[in-house]
């Protein structure tokens, strides 16, 4: 019985040595760097990044170009710089746009998450900035230039609270997506390593239920 088992093992070892019946090897082959845990596909934050860039540019530029089409806050003059516009609109708009750029172009999870957090901070400042400005002596946000109550509400939301809420939502959603490392991320990372280094012998175990 033992001789039969031993001979069977010898035949299997010989078949493996000859390259027959070889099973996929799991794990990492020596000399091949495994996919990093910080890698993330750029498509993960592409849509949010583009939207945040657009919203950040809107928030930073609308106080200066809005007077051209009667959509502005007092002072109703194009390209007029005030401390209130700088602190309450330009600053959070630029921070949001930078966060969107990092989120759009970075394939590093930490960098992309930092960009998403920048967007969250910018969106939150659009919401609370006008309330805290008098306390912090940052200047006044002004008042909507429209005379009708409905249009005044639209301007208030488009310049501050509504804009900040949308930015805050997109940034928070991006943070949530970046905090997950899905099975698809692992497969993509291993495929990228194989494309760069040739066949690596790195196998993936089937997903467990």
C-alpha atoms as a PDB file:
ATOM      1  CA  UNK A   1       0.000   0.000   0.000  1.00  0.00           C
ATOM      2  CA  UNK A   2       2.768   2.399   0.971  1.00  0.00           C
ATOM      3  CA  UNK A   3       4.767   1.500  -2.131  1.00  0.00           C
ATOM      4  CA  UNK A   4       1.736   2.191  -4.305  1.00  0.00           C
ATOM      5  CA  UNK A   5       1.241   5.619  -2.716  1.00  0.00           C
ATOM      6  CA  UNK A   6       4.926   6.401  -3.049  1.00  0.00           C
ATOM      7  CA  UNK A   7       4.976   5.471  -6.715  1.00  0.00           C
ATOM      8  CA  UNK A   8       1.893   7.590  -7.344  1.00  0.00           C
ATOM      9  CA  UNK A   9       3.582  10.596  -5.725  1.00  0.00           C
ATOM     10  CA  UNK A  10       6.690   9.968  -7.817  1.00  0.00           C
ATOM     11  CA  UNK A  11       4.618   9.944 -11.023  1.00  0.00           C
ATOM     12  CA  UNK A  12       2.871  13.202 -10.041  1.00  0.00           C
ATOM     13  CA  UNK A  13       6.209  14.859  -9.209  1.00  0.00           C
ATOM     14  CA  UNK A  14       7.654  13.758 -12.535  1.00  0.00           C
ATOM     15  CA  UNK A  15       4.600  15.075 -14.391  1.00  0.00           C
ATOM     16  CA  UNK A  16       4.967  18.447 -12.656  1.00  0.00           C
ATOM     17  CA  UNK A  17       8.690  18.559 -13.496  1.00  0.00           C
ATOM     18  CA  UNK A  18       7.849  17.965 -17.160  1.00  0.00           C
ATOM     19  CA  UNK A  19       5.359  20.840 -17.160  1.00  0.00           C
ATOM     20  CA  UNK A  20       2.260  18.640 -17.302  1.00  0.00           C
ATOM     21  CA  UNK A  21      -0.711  19.101 -15.000  1.00  0.00           C
ATOM     22  CA  UNK A  22       0.768  22.216 -13.487  1.00  0.00           C
ATOM     23  CA  UNK A  23      -1.755  24.152 -11.412  1.00  0.00           C
ATOM     24  CA  UNK A  24      -1.914  27.914 -11.143  1.00  0.00           C
ATOM     25  CA  UNK A  25       0.367  29.240  -8.464  1.00  0.00           C
ATOM     26  CA  UNK A  26      -1.164  31.505  -5.909  1.00  0.00           C
ATOM     27  CA  UNK A  27       0.749  34.163  -4.073  1.00  0.00           C
ATOM     28  CA  UNK A  28       3.508  36.429  -5.299  1.00  0.00           C
ATOM     29  CA  UNK A  29       6.417  35.279  -7.385  1.00  0.00           C
ATOM     30  CA  UNK A  30       9.835  36.232  -6.074  1.00  0.00           C
ATOM     31  CA  UNK A  31      11.094  39.430  -7.616  1.00  0.00           C
ATOM     32  CA  UNK A  32       7.651  40.785  -8.583  1.00  0.00           C
ATOM     33  CA  UNK A  33       6.328  43.596  -6.492  1.00  0.00           C
ATOM     34  CA  UNK A  34       2.717  42.933  -5.411  1.00  0.00           C
ATOM     35  CA  UNK A  35       0.034  45.500  -6.188  1.00  0.00           C
ATOM     36  CA  UNK A  36       0.005  48.137  -3.483  1.00  0.00           C
ATOM     37  CA  UNK A  37      -2.963  48.568  -1.232  1.00  0.00           C
ATOM     38  CA  UNK A  38      -2.910  52.302  -1.953  1.00  0.00           C
ATOM     39  CA  UNK A  39      -3.524  51.795  -5.671  1.00  0.00           C
ATOM     40  CA  UNK A  40      -6.960  52.791  -6.896  1.00  0.00           C
ATOM     41  CA  UNK A  41      -8.299  53.045 -10.472  1.00  0.00           C
ATOM     42  CA  UNK A  42      -8.551  56.620 -11.706  1.00  0.00           C
ATOM     43  CA  UNK A  43     -12.088  55.944 -12.856  1.00  0.00           C
ATOM     44  CA  UNK A  44     -13.113  55.596  -9.199  1.00  0.00           C
ATOM     45  CA  UNK A  45     -13.154  59.371  -8.710  1.00  0.00           C
ATOM     46  CA  UNK A  46     -13.377  60.604 -12.301  1.00  0.00           C
ATOM     47  CA  UNK A  47     -17.010  61.738 -12.331  1.00  0.00           C
ATOM     48  CA  UNK A  48     -16.865  63.286  -8.869  1.00  0.00           C
ATOM     49  CA  UNK A  49     -13.565  64.980  -9.726  1.00  0.00           C
ATOM     50  CA  UNK A  50     -14.936  66.590 -12.887  1.00  0.00           C
ATOM     51  CA  UNK A  51     -18.083  67.797 -11.117  1.00  0.00           C
ATOM     52  CA  UNK A  52     -16.076  69.204  -8.213  1.00  0.00           C
ATOM     53  CA  UNK A  53     -13.771  71.089 -10.566  1.00  0.00           C
ATOM     54  CA  UNK A  54     -16.765  72.631 -12.344  1.00  0.00           C
ATOM     55  CA  UNK A  55     -18.503  73.538  -9.076  1.00  0.00           C
ATOM     56  CA  UNK A  56     -15.310  74.950  -7.586  1.00  0.00           C
ATOM     57  CA  UNK A  57     -14.722  77.157 -10.622  1.00  0.00           C
ATOM     58  CA  UNK A  58     -18.358  78.254 -10.479  1.00  0.00           C
ATOM     59  CA  UNK A  59     -18.074  79.237  -6.829  1.00  0.00           C
ATOM     60  CA  UNK A  60     -14.812  81.121  -7.352  1.00  0.00           C
ATOM     61  CA  UNK A  61     -15.762  82.968 -10.563  1.00  0.00           C
ATOM     62  CA  UNK A  62     -19.508  83.620 -10.325  1.00  0.00           C
ATOM     63  CA  UNK A  63     -19.135  86.670  -8.023  1.00  0.00           C
ATOM     64  CA  UNK A  64     -16.961  88.340 -10.685  1.00  0.00           C
ATOM     65  CA  UNK A  65     -18.841  87.371 -13.847  1.00  0.00           C
ATOM     66  CA  UNK A  66     -22.374  87.184 -12.461  1.00  0.00           C
ATOM     67  CA  UNK A  67     -23.034  90.938 -12.865  1.00  0.00           C
ATOM     68  CA  UNK A  68     -22.785  90.523 -16.645  1.00  0.00           C
ATOM     69  CA  UNK A  69     -26.115  88.690 -16.638  1.00  0.00           C
ATOM     70  CA  UNK A  70     -27.691  90.238 -13.509  1.00  0.00           C
ATOM     71  CA  UNK A  71     -26.938  87.246 -11.300  1.00  0.00           C
ATOM     72  CA  UNK A  72     -24.812  88.507  -8.457  1.00  0.00           C
ATOM     73  CA  UNK A  73     -24.476  89.754  -4.918  1.00  0.00           C
ATOM     74  CA  UNK A  74     -23.969  93.366  -3.926  1.00  0.00           C
ATOM     75  CA  UNK A  75     -21.687  95.026  -4.962  1.00  0.00           C
ATOM     76  CA  UNK A  76     -23.198  94.384  -8.380  1.00  0.00           C
ATOM     77  CA  UNK A  77     -19.975  95.073 -10.314  1.00  0.00           C
ATOM     78  CA  UNK A  78     -17.980  92.640 -12.415  1.00  0.00           C
ATOM     79  CA  UNK A  79     -14.380  91.835 -11.420  1.00  0.00           C
ATOM     80  CA  UNK A  80     -14.596  93.834  -8.213  1.00  0.00           C
ATOM     81  CA  UNK A  81     -12.481  92.351  -5.449  1.00  0.00           C
ATOM     82  CA  UNK A  82     -13.629  92.467  -1.843  1.00  0.00           C
ATOM     83  CA  UNK A  83     -12.373  90.657   1.220  1.00  0.00           C
ATOM     84  CA  UNK A  84     -15.735  88.926   1.536  1.00  0.00           C
ATOM     85  CA  UNK A  85     -15.532  87.568  -1.987  1.00  0.00           C
ATOM     86  CA  UNK A  86     -11.974  86.428  -1.422  1.00  0.00           C
ATOM     87  CA  UNK A  87     -12.561  84.595   1.839  1.00  0.00           C
ATOM     88  CA  UNK A  88     -16.089  83.320   1.284  1.00  0.00           C
ATOM     89  CA  UNK A  89     -16.153  82.482  -2.434  1.00  0.00           C
ATOM     90  CA  UNK A  90     -12.732  82.444  -4.086  1.00  0.00           C
ATOM     91  CA  UNK A  91     -10.983  80.514  -1.307  1.00  0.00           C
ATOM     92  CA  UNK A  92     -13.485  77.645  -0.979  1.00  0.00           C
ATOM     93  CA  UNK A  93     -13.912  77.529  -4.753  1.00  0.00           C
ATOM     94  CA  UNK A  94     -10.174  77.126  -5.338  1.00  0.00           C
ATOM     95  CA  UNK A  95      -9.890  74.521  -2.560  1.00  0.00           C
ATOM     96  CA  UNK A  96     -12.764  72.561  -4.082  1.00  0.00           C
ATOM     97  CA  UNK A  97     -11.273  72.714  -7.581  1.00  0.00           C
ATOM     98  CA  UNK A  98      -7.873  71.515  -6.314  1.00  0.00           C
ATOM     99  CA  UNK A  99      -9.575  68.650  -4.512  1.00  0.00           C
ATOM    100  CA  UNK A 100     -11.388  67.724  -7.712  1.00  0.00           C
ATOM    101  CA  UNK A 101      -8.137  67.738  -9.688  1.00  0.00           C
ATOM    102  CA  UNK A 102      -6.457  65.420  -7.173  1.00  0.00           C
ATOM    103  CA  UNK A 103      -9.490  63.162  -7.196  1.00  0.00           C
ATOM    104  CA  UNK A 104      -9.597  63.064 -10.986  1.00  0.00           C
ATOM    105  CA  UNK A 105      -5.946  62.389 -11.820  1.00  0.00           C
ATOM    106  CA  UNK A 106      -4.499  60.524  -8.839  1.00  0.00           C
ATOM    107  CA  UNK A 107      -4.259  56.723  -8.776  1.00  0.00           C
ATOM    108  CA  UNK A 108      -3.056  56.772  -5.180  1.00  0.00           C
ATOM    109  CA  UNK A 109      -5.774  56.142  -2.619  1.00  0.00           C
ATOM    110  CA  UNK A 110      -4.278  58.527  -0.035  1.00  0.00           C
ATOM    111  CA  UNK A 111      -3.862  61.410  -2.495  1.00  0.00           C
ATOM    112  CA  UNK A 112      -7.341  60.946  -3.959  1.00  0.00           C
ATOM    113  CA  UNK A 113      -8.845  60.768  -0.461  1.00  0.00           C
ATOM    114  CA  UNK A 114      -7.024  63.971   0.456  1.00  0.00           C
ATOM    115  CA  UNK A 115      -8.559  65.639  -2.591  1.00  0.00           C
ATOM    116  CA  UNK A 116     -12.018  64.441  -1.549  1.00  0.00           C
ATOM    117  CA  UNK A 117     -11.499  65.835   1.940  1.00  0.00           C
ATOM    118  CA  UNK A 118     -10.426  69.171   0.466  1.00  0.00           C
ATOM    119  CA  UNK A 119     -13.716  69.246  -1.434  1.00  0.00           C
ATOM    120  CA  UNK A 120     -15.633  68.465   1.762  1.00  0.00           C
ATOM    121  CA  UNK A 121     -13.891  71.333   3.548  1.00  0.00           C
ATOM    122  CA  UNK A 122     -14.584  73.701   0.656  1.00  0.00           C
ATOM    123  CA  UNK A 123     -18.250  72.719   0.530  1.00  0.00           C
ATOM    124  CA  UNK A 124     -18.650  73.094   4.283  1.00  0.00           C
ATOM    125  CA  UNK A 125     -17.067  76.549   4.144  1.00  0.00           C
ATOM    126  CA  UNK A 126     -19.501  77.653   1.449  1.00  0.00           C
ATOM    127  CA  UNK A 127     -22.292  76.775   3.897  1.00  0.00           C
ATOM    128  CA  UNK A 128     -20.985  78.128   7.192  1.00  0.00           C
ATOM    129  CA  UNK A 129     -18.662  80.855   5.900  1.00  0.00           C
ATOM    130  CA  UNK A 130     -21.266  83.640   5.524  1.00  0.00           C
ATOM    131  CA  UNK A 131     -22.448  83.020   9.096  1.00  0.00           C
ATOM    132  CA  UNK A 132     -18.960  82.998  10.602  1.00  0.00           C
ATOM    133  CA  UNK A 133     -17.582  85.880   8.531  1.00  0.00           C
ATOM    134  CA  UNK A 134     -18.793  88.693  10.861  1.00  0.00           C
ATOM    135  CA  UNK A 135     -17.414  86.840  13.878  1.00  0.00           C
ATOM    136  CA  UNK A 136     -14.017  86.251  12.239  1.00  0.00           C
ATOM    137  CA  UNK A 137     -13.944  89.724  10.611  1.00  0.00           C
ATOM    138  CA  UNK A 138     -13.519  88.295   7.126  1.00  0.00           C
ATOM    139  CA  UNK A 139     -15.764  90.745   5.361  1.00  0.00           C
ATOM    140  CA  UNK A 140     -19.378  90.612   4.313  1.00  0.00           C
ATOM    141  CA  UNK A 141     -20.878  88.274   1.777  1.00  0.00           C
ATOM    142  CA  UNK A 142     -23.294  90.974   0.665  1.00  0.00           C
ATOM    143  CA  UNK A 143     -26.900  90.490  -0.332  1.00  0.00           C
ATOM    144  CA  UNK A 144     -28.490  89.111  -3.512  1.00  0.00           C
ATOM    145  CA  UNK A 145     -28.956  91.809  -6.129  1.00  0.00           C
ATOM    146  CA  UNK A 146     -32.350  90.503  -7.271  1.00  0.00           C
ATOM    147  CA  UNK A 147     -35.527  92.163  -6.045  1.00  0.00           C
ATOM    148  CA  UNK A 148     -37.950  89.239  -6.347  1.00  0.00           C
ATOM    149  CA  UNK A 149     -37.959  86.851  -3.344  1.00  0.00           C
ATOM    150  CA  UNK A 150     -37.774  83.735  -5.515  1.00  0.00           C
ATOM    151  CA  UNK A 151     -34.757  84.980  -7.467  1.00  0.00           C
ATOM    152  CA  UNK A 152     -33.058  86.117  -4.260  1.00  0.00           C
ATOM    153  CA  UNK A 153     -33.456  82.608  -2.877  1.00  0.00           C
ATOM    154  CA  UNK A 154     -32.022  81.108  -6.059  1.00  0.00           C
ATOM    155  CA  UNK A 155     -29.001  83.417  -5.897  1.00  0.00           C
ATOM    156  CA  UNK A 156     -28.407  82.636  -2.228  1.00  0.00           C
ATOM    157  CA  UNK A 157     -28.466  78.902  -2.893  1.00  0.00           C
ATOM    158  CA  UNK A 158     -26.358  79.117  -6.068  1.00  0.00           C
ATOM    159  CA  UNK A 159     -23.650  81.211  -4.391  1.00  0.00           C
ATOM    160  CA  UNK A 160     -23.448  79.624  -0.949  1.00  0.00           C
ATOM    161  CA  UNK A 161     -25.673  77.086   0.826  1.00  0.00           C
ATOM    162  CA  UNK A 162     -26.943  75.089  -2.153  1.00  0.00           C
ATOM    163  CA  UNK A 163     -23.554  75.061  -3.864  1.00  0.00           C
ATOM    164  CA  UNK A 164     -21.850  73.983  -0.651  1.00  0.00           C
ATOM    165  CA  UNK A 165     -24.361  71.194  -0.051  1.00  0.00           C
ATOM    166  CA  UNK A 166     -23.770  69.685  -3.507  1.00  0.00           C
ATOM    167  CA  UNK A 167     -19.986  69.894  -3.097  1.00  0.00           C
ATOM    168  CA  UNK A 168     -20.214  68.372   0.368  1.00  0.00           C
ATOM    169  CA  UNK A 169     -22.310  65.490  -0.962  1.00  0.00           C
ATOM    170  CA  UNK A 170     -19.937  64.726  -3.853  1.00  0.00           C
ATOM    171  CA  UNK A 171     -16.857  64.893  -1.639  1.00  0.00           C
ATOM    172  CA  UNK A 172     -18.391  62.634   1.013  1.00  0.00           C
ATOM    173  CA  UNK A 173     -19.510  60.117  -1.613  1.00  0.00           C
ATOM    174  CA  UNK A 174     -15.981  60.059  -3.057  1.00  0.00           C
ATOM    175  CA  UNK A 175     -14.512  59.415   0.393  1.00  0.00           C
ATOM    176  CA  UNK A 176     -16.885  56.498   0.838  1.00  0.00           C
ATOM    177  CA  UNK A 177     -15.944  54.954  -2.509  1.00  0.00           C
ATOM    178  CA  UNK A 178     -12.226  55.384  -1.906  1.00  0.00           C
ATOM    179  CA  UNK A 179     -12.425  53.718   1.505  1.00  0.00           C
ATOM    180  CA  UNK A 180     -13.429  50.409  -0.124  1.00  0.00           C
ATOM    181  CA  UNK A 181     -10.996  47.993  -1.761  1.00  0.00           C
ATOM    182  CA  UNK A 182     -13.096  45.744  -3.927  1.00  0.00           C
ATOM    183  CA  UNK A 183     -12.193  42.443  -5.573  1.00  0.00           C
ATOM    184  CA  UNK A 184     -12.182  44.282  -8.904  1.00  0.00           C
ATOM    185  CA  UNK A 185      -9.432  46.581  -7.600  1.00  0.00           C
ATOM    186  CA  UNK A 186      -7.262  43.574  -6.729  1.00  0.00           C
ATOM    187  CA  UNK A 187      -7.794  41.980 -10.144  1.00  0.00           C
ATOM    188  CA  UNK A 188      -7.003  45.235 -11.954  1.00  0.00           C
ATOM    189  CA  UNK A 189      -3.859  45.766  -9.897  1.00  0.00           C
ATOM    190  CA  UNK A 190      -2.594  42.256 -10.618  1.00  0.00           C
ATOM    191  CA  UNK A 191      -3.375  42.688 -14.306  1.00  0.00           C
ATOM    192  CA  UNK A 192      -1.421  45.941 -14.332  1.00  0.00           C
ATOM    193  CA  UNK A 193       1.599  44.214 -12.772  1.00  0.00           C
ATOM    194  CA  UNK A 194       1.400  41.446 -15.379  1.00  0.00           C
ATOM    195  CA  UNK A 195       1.290  43.987 -18.198  1.00  0.00           C
ATOM    196  CA  UNK A 196       4.343  45.789 -16.844  1.00  0.00           C
ATOM    197  CA  UNK A 197       6.433  42.754 -15.874  1.00  0.00           C
ATOM    198  CA  UNK A 198       5.094  39.991 -18.114  1.00  0.00           C
ATOM    199  CA  UNK A 199       3.463  36.801 -16.826  1.00  0.00           C
ATOM    200  CA  UNK A 200       3.996  36.718 -13.073  1.00  0.00           C
ATOM    201  CA  UNK A 201       2.358  33.510 -12.096  1.00  0.00           C
ATOM    202  CA  UNK A 202       0.147  35.419  -9.748  1.00  0.00           C
ATOM    203  CA  UNK A 203      -3.233  33.767  -9.470  1.00  0.00           C
ATOM    204  CA  UNK A 204      -6.384  34.959  -7.864  1.00  0.00           C
ATOM    205  CA  UNK A 205      -8.484  32.791  -5.659  1.00  0.00           C
ATOM    206  CA  UNK A 206     -12.153  32.552  -6.588  1.00  0.00           C
ATOM    207  CA  UNK A 207     -14.326  34.910  -4.553  1.00  0.00           C
ATOM    208  CA  UNK A 208     -15.909  33.304  -1.537  1.00  0.00           C
ATOM    209  CA  UNK A 209     -19.628  33.574  -0.971  1.00  0.00           C
END
